[in-house]
Amino acid sequence: MNWIDLMTAKNIELGNWGEKIAIEKLKRMRWKILGTNEKVPIGELDVVARDGKEIVIVEVRTRTCGRMLPPEFTVGPSKLKKLVRSGKIFVEKIKWEGPWRIDLIAITVLADNEWKIEHYRNITDGEFCQ
């Protein structure tokens, strides 16, 4: 997508673009992508990856510049609880017994075909991760 398309994209299109950018970043970090848009009974996980010996549930948030809140501020307490519950369901489903965590990748679309990407590790501060 070009910059004008991104600035006028509907939420779903912008979200799909952001997930592709996030996956590219994770691959450059040499993470193994285990799945995308993984469905669990209470929702969907954007990206599931492996960082060394740890499973990482990655929530991707993408916003255009000028929105009321930057993407990293759009994950509130109820979304965090849902992510934790979904993550627990997912790791139980795959019978994972090792450590896991939840990360956030926040992407802000700027002007002139540029964007800012920030990676927040362990957004639950380990409180919910096993």
N, C-alpha and C. Protein backbone atom coordinates (compact mmCIF):
# COMPACT_ATOMS: atom_id res chain seq x y z
N MET A 1 0.85 -1.19 0.00
CA MET A 1 0.00 0.00 0.00
C MET A 1 0.89 1.24 0.00
N ASN A 2 0.46 2.26 -0.74
CA ASN A 2 1.21 3.50 -0.68
C ASN A 2 0.66 4.36 0.46
N TRP A 3 1.35 5.49 0.70
CA TRP A 3 1.02 6.32 1.84
C TRP A 3 -0.42 6.83 1.80
N ILE A 4 -0.89 7.28 0.67
CA ILE A 4 -2.26 7.80 0.57
C ILE A 4 -3.27 6.69 0.85
N ASP A 5 -3.01 5.50 0.32
CA ASP A 5 -3.89 4.37 0.60
C ASP A 5 -3.92 4.06 2.09
N LEU A 6 -2.75 4.11 2.73
CA LEU A 6 -2.69 3.83 4.17
C LEU A 6 -3.47 4.86 4.98
N MET A 7 -3.34 6.12 4.60
CA MET A 7 -4.00 7.19 5.36
C MET A 7 -5.52 7.13 5.22
N THR A 8 -6.01 6.51 4.15
CA THR A 8 -7.46 6.45 3.94
C THR A 8 -8.01 5.04 4.08
N ALA A 9 -7.16 4.10 4.47
CA ALA A 9 -7.58 2.70 4.56
C ALA A 9 -8.60 2.50 5.66
N LYS A 10 -9.46 1.55 5.44
CA LYS A 10 -10.39 1.14 6.48
C LYS A 10 -9.61 0.37 7.53
N ASN A 11 -10.18 0.26 8.73
CA ASN A 11 -9.49 -0.37 9.85
C ASN A 11 -8.97 -1.77 9.52
N ILE A 12 -9.76 -2.58 8.84
CA ILE A 12 -9.34 -3.95 8.54
C ILE A 12 -8.15 -3.96 7.59
N GLU A 13 -8.19 -3.13 6.55
CA GLU A 13 -7.08 -3.05 5.60
C GLU A 13 -5.81 -2.58 6.29
N LEU A 14 -5.94 -1.54 7.12
CA LEU A 14 -4.79 -1.00 7.83
C LEU A 14 -4.24 -2.05 8.80
N GLY A 15 -5.12 -2.75 9.48
CA GLY A 15 -4.70 -3.80 10.41
C GLY A 15 -3.97 -4.92 9.71
N ASN A 16 -4.47 -5.35 8.56
CA ASN A 16 -3.81 -6.41 7.79
C ASN A 16 -2.42 -5.97 7.33
N TRP A 17 -2.31 -4.73 6.87
CA TRP A 17 -1.02 -4.18 6.47
C TRP A 17 -0.06 -4.17 7.66
N GLY A 18 -0.55 -3.70 8.81
CA GLY A 18 0.28 -3.65 10.02
C GLY A 18 0.77 -5.02 10.45
N GLU A 19 -0.08 -6.02 10.34
CA GLU A 19 0.33 -7.37 10.71
C GLU A 19 1.45 -7.87 9.79
N LYS A 20 1.38 -7.55 8.50
CA LYS A 20 2.44 -7.95 7.57
C LYS A 20 3.76 -7.28 7.94
N ILE A 21 3.70 -5.99 8.29
CA ILE A 21 4.90 -5.25 8.69
C ILE A 21 5.47 -5.86 9.97
N ALA A 22 4.61 -6.17 10.92
CA ALA A 22 5.05 -6.77 12.18
C ALA A 22 5.72 -8.12 11.95
N ILE A 23 5.14 -8.93 11.10
CA ILE A 23 5.71 -10.25 10.80
C ILE A 23 7.09 -10.11 10.15
N GLU A 24 7.23 -9.15 9.24
CA GLU A 24 8.54 -8.90 8.62
C GLU A 24 9.57 -8.53 9.68
N LYS A 25 9.17 -7.69 10.62
CA LYS A 25 10.09 -7.29 11.71
C LYS A 25 10.49 -8.50 12.54
N LEU A 26 9.53 -9.33 12.92
CA LEU A 26 9.82 -10.50 13.73
C LEU A 26 10.74 -11.48 13.00
N LYS A 27 10.52 -11.64 11.71
CA LYS A 27 11.39 -12.53 10.93
C LYS A 27 12.82 -11.99 10.87
N ARG A 28 12.96 -10.65 10.73
CA ARG A 28 14.30 -10.04 10.74
C ARG A 28 14.99 -10.26 12.09
N MET A 29 14.19 -10.39 13.15
CA MET A 29 14.73 -10.66 14.48
C MET A 29 15.01 -12.16 14.67
N ARG A 30 14.76 -12.93 13.60
CA ARG A 30 14.98 -14.38 13.58
C ARG A 30 14.01 -15.15 14.48
N TRP A 31 12.82 -14.60 14.66
CA TRP A 31 11.78 -15.32 15.37
C TRP A 31 11.10 -16.27 14.39
N LYS A 32 10.63 -17.39 14.90
CA LYS A 32 9.88 -18.33 14.07
C LYS A 32 8.39 -18.00 14.20
N ILE A 33 7.74 -17.75 13.10
CA ILE A 33 6.31 -17.46 13.10
C ILE A 33 5.57 -18.80 13.14
N LEU A 34 4.79 -19.01 14.19
CA LEU A 34 4.05 -20.25 14.36
C LEU A 34 2.64 -20.16 13.79
N GLY A 35 2.10 -18.95 13.75
CA GLY A 35 0.75 -18.78 13.22
C GLY A 35 0.33 -17.33 13.20
N THR A 36 -0.65 -17.04 12.38
CA THR A 36 -1.24 -15.70 12.33
C THR A 36 -2.75 -15.85 12.39
N ASN A 37 -3.38 -14.88 13.00
CA ASN A 37 -4.84 -14.88 13.14
C ASN A 37 -5.33 -16.22 13.70
N GLU A 38 -4.66 -16.68 14.74
CA GLU A 38 -5.01 -17.94 15.40
C GLU A 38 -6.30 -17.78 16.17
N LYS A 39 -7.27 -18.56 15.81
CA LYS A 39 -8.58 -18.47 16.47
C LYS A 39 -8.61 -19.33 17.73
N VAL A 40 -9.14 -18.75 18.79
CA VAL A 40 -9.42 -19.46 20.03
C VAL A 40 -10.87 -19.14 20.37
N PRO A 41 -11.50 -19.91 21.25
CA PRO A 41 -12.93 -19.70 21.50
C PRO A 41 -13.34 -18.27 21.89
N ILE A 42 -12.44 -17.51 22.49
CA ILE A 42 -12.84 -16.17 22.93
C ILE A 42 -12.25 -15.05 22.09
N GLY A 43 -11.63 -15.39 20.96
CA GLY A 43 -11.08 -14.33 20.12
C GLY A 43 -10.08 -14.85 19.13
N GLU A 44 -9.16 -13.95 18.76
CA GLU A 44 -8.17 -14.27 17.75
C GLU A 44 -6.84 -13.65 18.16
N LEU A 45 -5.76 -14.40 17.97
CA LEU A 45 -4.42 -13.92 18.27
C LEU A 45 -3.78 -13.46 16.96
N ASP A 46 -3.29 -12.22 16.93
CA ASP A 46 -2.73 -11.67 15.70
C ASP A 46 -1.57 -12.50 15.18
N VAL A 47 -0.57 -12.68 16.01
CA VAL A 47 0.62 -13.43 15.62
C VAL A 47 1.07 -14.27 16.81
N VAL A 48 1.43 -15.51 16.53
CA VAL A 48 2.05 -16.37 17.54
C VAL A 48 3.42 -16.72 16.99
N ALA A 49 4.46 -16.47 17.81
CA ALA A 49 5.83 -16.68 17.35
C ALA A 49 6.64 -17.35 18.45
N ARG A 50 7.83 -17.74 18.06
CA ARG A 50 8.75 -18.32 19.03
C ARG A 50 10.01 -17.49 19.04
N ASP A 51 10.35 -17.01 20.23
CA ASP A 51 11.56 -16.23 20.47
C ASP A 51 12.47 -17.11 21.34
N GLY A 52 13.37 -17.82 20.70
CA GLY A 52 14.22 -18.75 21.44
C GLY A 52 13.38 -19.88 22.03
N LYS A 53 13.38 -19.97 23.35
CA LYS A 53 12.64 -21.04 24.03
C LYS A 53 11.29 -20.56 24.55
N GLU A 54 10.83 -19.43 24.07
CA GLU A 54 9.60 -18.83 24.60
C GLU A 54 8.58 -18.62 23.48
N ILE A 55 7.33 -18.98 23.76
CA ILE A 55 6.23 -18.66 22.85
C ILE A 55 5.82 -17.22 23.14
N VAL A 56 5.58 -16.47 22.07
CA VAL A 56 5.18 -15.08 22.23
C VAL A 56 3.88 -14.85 21.47
N ILE A 57 2.87 -14.38 22.21
CA ILE A 57 1.62 -13.93 21.62
C ILE A 57 1.84 -12.45 21.30
N VAL A 58 1.72 -12.08 20.02
CA VAL A 58 2.00 -10.71 19.62
C VAL A 58 0.70 -10.02 19.19
N GLU A 59 0.33 -9.00 19.93
CA GLU A 59 -0.80 -8.15 19.57
C GLU A 59 -0.25 -7.04 18.69
N VAL A 60 -0.85 -6.83 17.53
CA VAL A 60 -0.40 -5.79 16.61
C VAL A 60 -1.46 -4.70 16.56
N ARG A 61 -1.04 -3.47 16.78
CA ARG A 61 -1.94 -2.32 16.70
C ARG A 61 -1.36 -1.33 15.71
N THR A 62 -2.19 -0.91 14.75
CA THR A 62 -1.75 0.02 13.71
C THR A 62 -2.71 1.21 13.68
N ARG A 63 -2.16 2.40 13.67
CA ARG A 63 -2.95 3.62 13.61
C ARG A 63 -2.30 4.61 12.66
N THR A 64 -3.10 5.48 12.09
CA THR A 64 -2.56 6.57 11.28
C THR A 64 -2.28 7.76 12.18
N CYS A 65 -1.31 8.55 11.78
CA CYS A 65 -0.97 9.75 12.52
C CYS A 65 -2.19 10.67 12.55
N GLY A 66 -2.48 11.26 13.69
CA GLY A 66 -3.61 12.15 13.80
C GLY A 66 -4.80 11.54 14.52
N ARG A 67 -4.75 10.24 14.77
CA ARG A 67 -5.81 9.62 15.55
C ARG A 67 -5.72 10.12 16.98
N MET A 68 -6.78 9.94 17.72
CA MET A 68 -6.83 10.43 19.10
C MET A 68 -5.75 9.80 19.98
N LEU A 69 -5.56 8.50 19.84
CA LEU A 69 -4.58 7.79 20.68
C LEU A 69 -3.56 7.07 19.81
N PRO A 70 -2.31 7.08 20.24
CA PRO A 70 -1.33 6.26 19.53
C PRO A 70 -1.65 4.78 19.76
N PRO A 71 -1.17 3.90 18.90
CA PRO A 71 -1.57 2.49 18.98
C PRO A 71 -1.27 1.83 20.32
N GLU A 72 -0.14 2.17 20.94
CA GLU A 72 0.22 1.51 22.19
C GLU A 72 -0.72 1.84 23.35
N PHE A 73 -1.51 2.90 23.20
CA PHE A 73 -2.46 3.26 24.25
C PHE A 73 -3.85 2.69 24.02
N THR A 74 -4.00 1.87 22.99
CA THR A 74 -5.32 1.32 22.68
C THR A 74 -5.53 -0.08 23.25
N VAL A 75 -4.55 -0.56 24.00
CA VAL A 75 -4.69 -1.87 24.65
C VAL A 75 -4.95 -1.61 26.13
N GLY A 76 -6.21 -1.64 26.50
CA GLY A 76 -6.59 -1.37 27.87
C GLY A 76 -6.69 -2.63 28.70
N PRO A 77 -7.14 -2.48 29.95
CA PRO A 77 -7.22 -3.63 30.87
C PRO A 77 -8.09 -4.77 30.37
N SER A 78 -9.23 -4.46 29.74
CA SER A 78 -10.10 -5.55 29.28
C SER A 78 -9.45 -6.31 28.11
N LYS A 79 -8.76 -5.60 27.22
CA LYS A 79 -8.06 -6.27 26.12
C LYS A 79 -6.92 -7.12 26.66
N LEU A 80 -6.20 -6.61 27.66
CA LEU A 80 -5.12 -7.39 28.26
C LEU A 80 -5.65 -8.69 28.87
N LYS A 81 -6.76 -8.59 29.59
CA LYS A 81 -7.35 -9.79 30.18
C LYS A 81 -7.73 -10.80 29.11
N LYS A 82 -8.31 -10.30 28.03
CA LYS A 82 -8.71 -11.19 26.93
C LYS A 82 -7.48 -11.83 26.27
N LEU A 83 -6.42 -11.06 26.11
CA LEU A 83 -5.19 -11.61 25.54
C LEU A 83 -4.61 -12.70 26.44
N VAL A 84 -4.62 -12.46 27.73
CA VAL A 84 -4.10 -13.46 28.67
C VAL A 84 -4.93 -14.73 28.62
N ARG A 85 -6.25 -14.59 28.65
CA ARG A 85 -7.12 -15.76 28.58
C ARG A 85 -6.93 -16.50 27.26
N SER A 86 -6.86 -15.75 26.16
CA SER A 86 -6.66 -16.37 24.85
C SER A 86 -5.31 -17.06 24.77
N GLY A 87 -4.28 -16.42 25.32
CA GLY A 87 -2.95 -17.02 25.34
C GLY A 87 -2.92 -18.32 26.12
N LYS A 88 -3.57 -18.33 27.28
CA LYS A 88 -3.64 -19.56 28.08
C LYS A 88 -4.33 -20.68 27.31
N ILE A 89 -5.42 -20.35 26.66
CA ILE A 89 -6.14 -21.35 25.86
C ILE A 89 -5.24 -21.87 24.75
N PHE A 90 -4.52 -20.97 24.07
CA PHE A 90 -3.67 -21.38 22.96
C PHE A 90 -2.55 -22.30 23.43
N VAL A 91 -1.82 -21.92 24.49
CA VAL A 91 -0.70 -22.75 24.93
C VAL A 91 -1.18 -24.10 25.46
N GLU A 92 -2.37 -24.12 26.06
CA GLU A 92 -2.93 -25.41 26.49
C GLU A 92 -3.30 -26.26 25.27
N LYS A 93 -3.86 -25.63 24.25
CA LYS A 93 -4.25 -26.34 23.03
C LYS A 93 -3.06 -27.01 22.36
N ILE A 94 -1.91 -26.32 22.33
CA ILE A 94 -0.74 -26.91 21.70
C ILE A 94 0.11 -27.71 22.69
N LYS A 95 -0.38 -27.79 23.94
CA LYS A 95 0.31 -28.55 25.00
C LYS A 95 1.72 -28.01 25.28
N TRP A 96 1.84 -26.69 25.25
CA TRP A 96 3.11 -26.02 25.53
C TRP A 96 3.31 -25.95 27.04
N GLU A 97 4.46 -26.39 27.50
CA GLU A 97 4.75 -26.37 28.93
C GLU A 97 5.85 -25.39 29.29
N GLY A 98 6.41 -24.73 28.30
CA GLY A 98 7.50 -23.79 28.54
C GLY A 98 6.97 -22.39 28.82
N PRO A 99 7.88 -21.43 28.92
CA PRO A 99 7.48 -20.05 29.18
C PRO A 99 6.80 -19.42 27.97
N TRP A 100 5.92 -18.48 28.26
CA TRP A 100 5.27 -17.71 27.21
C TRP A 100 4.99 -16.31 27.72
N ARG A 101 4.81 -15.39 26.79
CA ARG A 101 4.54 -13.99 27.16
C ARG A 101 3.70 -13.33 26.08
N ILE A 102 3.30 -12.10 26.37
CA ILE A 102 2.51 -11.32 25.42
C ILE A 102 3.28 -10.04 25.11
N ASP A 103 3.53 -9.79 23.82
CA ASP A 103 4.20 -8.57 23.36
C ASP A 103 3.21 -7.74 22.55
N LEU A 104 3.53 -6.48 22.41
CA LEU A 104 2.74 -5.56 21.58
C LEU A 104 3.66 -4.94 20.54
N ILE A 105 3.22 -4.96 19.31
CA ILE A 105 3.90 -4.19 18.26
C ILE A 105 2.94 -3.08 17.84
N ALA A 106 3.39 -1.85 18.03
CA ALA A 106 2.59 -0.66 17.73
C ALA A 106 3.18 0.03 16.51
N ILE A 107 2.33 0.23 15.51
CA ILE A 107 2.77 0.85 14.26
C ILE A 107 1.96 2.12 14.03
N THR A 108 2.66 3.23 13.84
CA THR A 108 2.01 4.50 13.53
C THR A 108 2.41 4.90 12.11
N VAL A 109 1.41 5.08 11.25
CA VAL A 109 1.66 5.50 9.88
C VAL A 109 1.86 7.02 9.89
N LEU A 110 3.01 7.45 9.40
CA LEU A 110 3.36 8.86 9.36
C LEU A 110 3.16 9.38 7.93
N ALA A 111 3.74 10.50 7.62
CA ALA A 111 3.63 11.07 6.28
C ALA A 111 4.70 10.52 5.35
N ASP A 112 4.49 10.70 4.06
CA ASP A 112 5.49 10.40 3.03
C ASP A 112 5.99 8.96 3.05
N ASN A 113 5.07 8.02 3.11
CA ASN A 113 5.42 6.59 3.03
C ASN A 113 6.34 6.13 4.16
N GLU A 114 6.21 6.73 5.32
CA GLU A 114 7.01 6.34 6.47
C GLU A 114 6.10 5.88 7.59
N TRP A 115 6.66 5.06 8.46
CA TRP A 115 5.92 4.65 9.64
C TRP A 115 6.90 4.42 10.78
N LYS A 116 6.36 4.44 11.96
CA LYS A 116 7.14 4.19 13.17
C LYS A 116 6.65 2.88 13.76
N ILE A 117 7.57 2.01 14.12
CA ILE A 117 7.20 0.73 14.69
C ILE A 117 7.90 0.59 16.04
N GLU A 118 7.12 0.24 17.05
CA GLU A 118 7.67 0.05 18.38
C GLU A 118 7.26 -1.32 18.90
N HIS A 119 8.20 -1.97 19.58
CA HIS A 119 7.97 -3.31 20.10
C HIS A 119 8.04 -3.25 21.62
N TYR A 120 6.93 -3.58 22.26
CA TYR A 120 6.86 -3.61 23.71
C TYR A 120 6.84 -5.07 24.15
N ARG A 121 7.87 -5.47 24.87
CA ARG A 121 7.99 -6.86 25.31
C ARG A 121 7.23 -7.07 26.63
N ASN A 122 6.60 -8.22 26.72
CA ASN A 122 5.98 -8.67 27.95
C ASN A 122 5.06 -7.62 28.56
N ILE A 123 4.03 -7.24 27.85
CA ILE A 123 3.16 -6.14 28.28
C ILE A 123 2.35 -6.44 29.52
N THR A 124 2.38 -7.69 29.97
CA THR A 124 1.70 -8.02 31.23
C THR A 124 2.73 -8.11 32.36
N ASP A 125 3.97 -7.69 32.09
CA ASP A 125 5.05 -7.71 33.08
C ASP A 125 5.26 -9.06 33.72
N GLY A 126 5.00 -10.10 32.97
CA GLY A 126 5.22 -11.44 33.48
C GLY A 126 4.20 -11.90 34.48
N GLU A 127 3.28 -11.00 34.83
CA GLU A 127 2.29 -11.32 35.86
C GLU A 127 1.44 -12.52 35.48
N PHE A 128 1.13 -12.66 34.21
CA PHE A 128 0.24 -13.73 33.79
C PHE A 128 0.96 -14.85 33.03
N CYS A 129 2.22 -14.62 32.70
CA CYS A 129 2.94 -15.62 31.91
C CYS A 129 3.48 -16.71 32.81
N GLN A 130 3.50 -17.93 32.28
CA GLN A 130 3.97 -19.06 33.06
C GLN A 130 5.44 -19.27 32.84
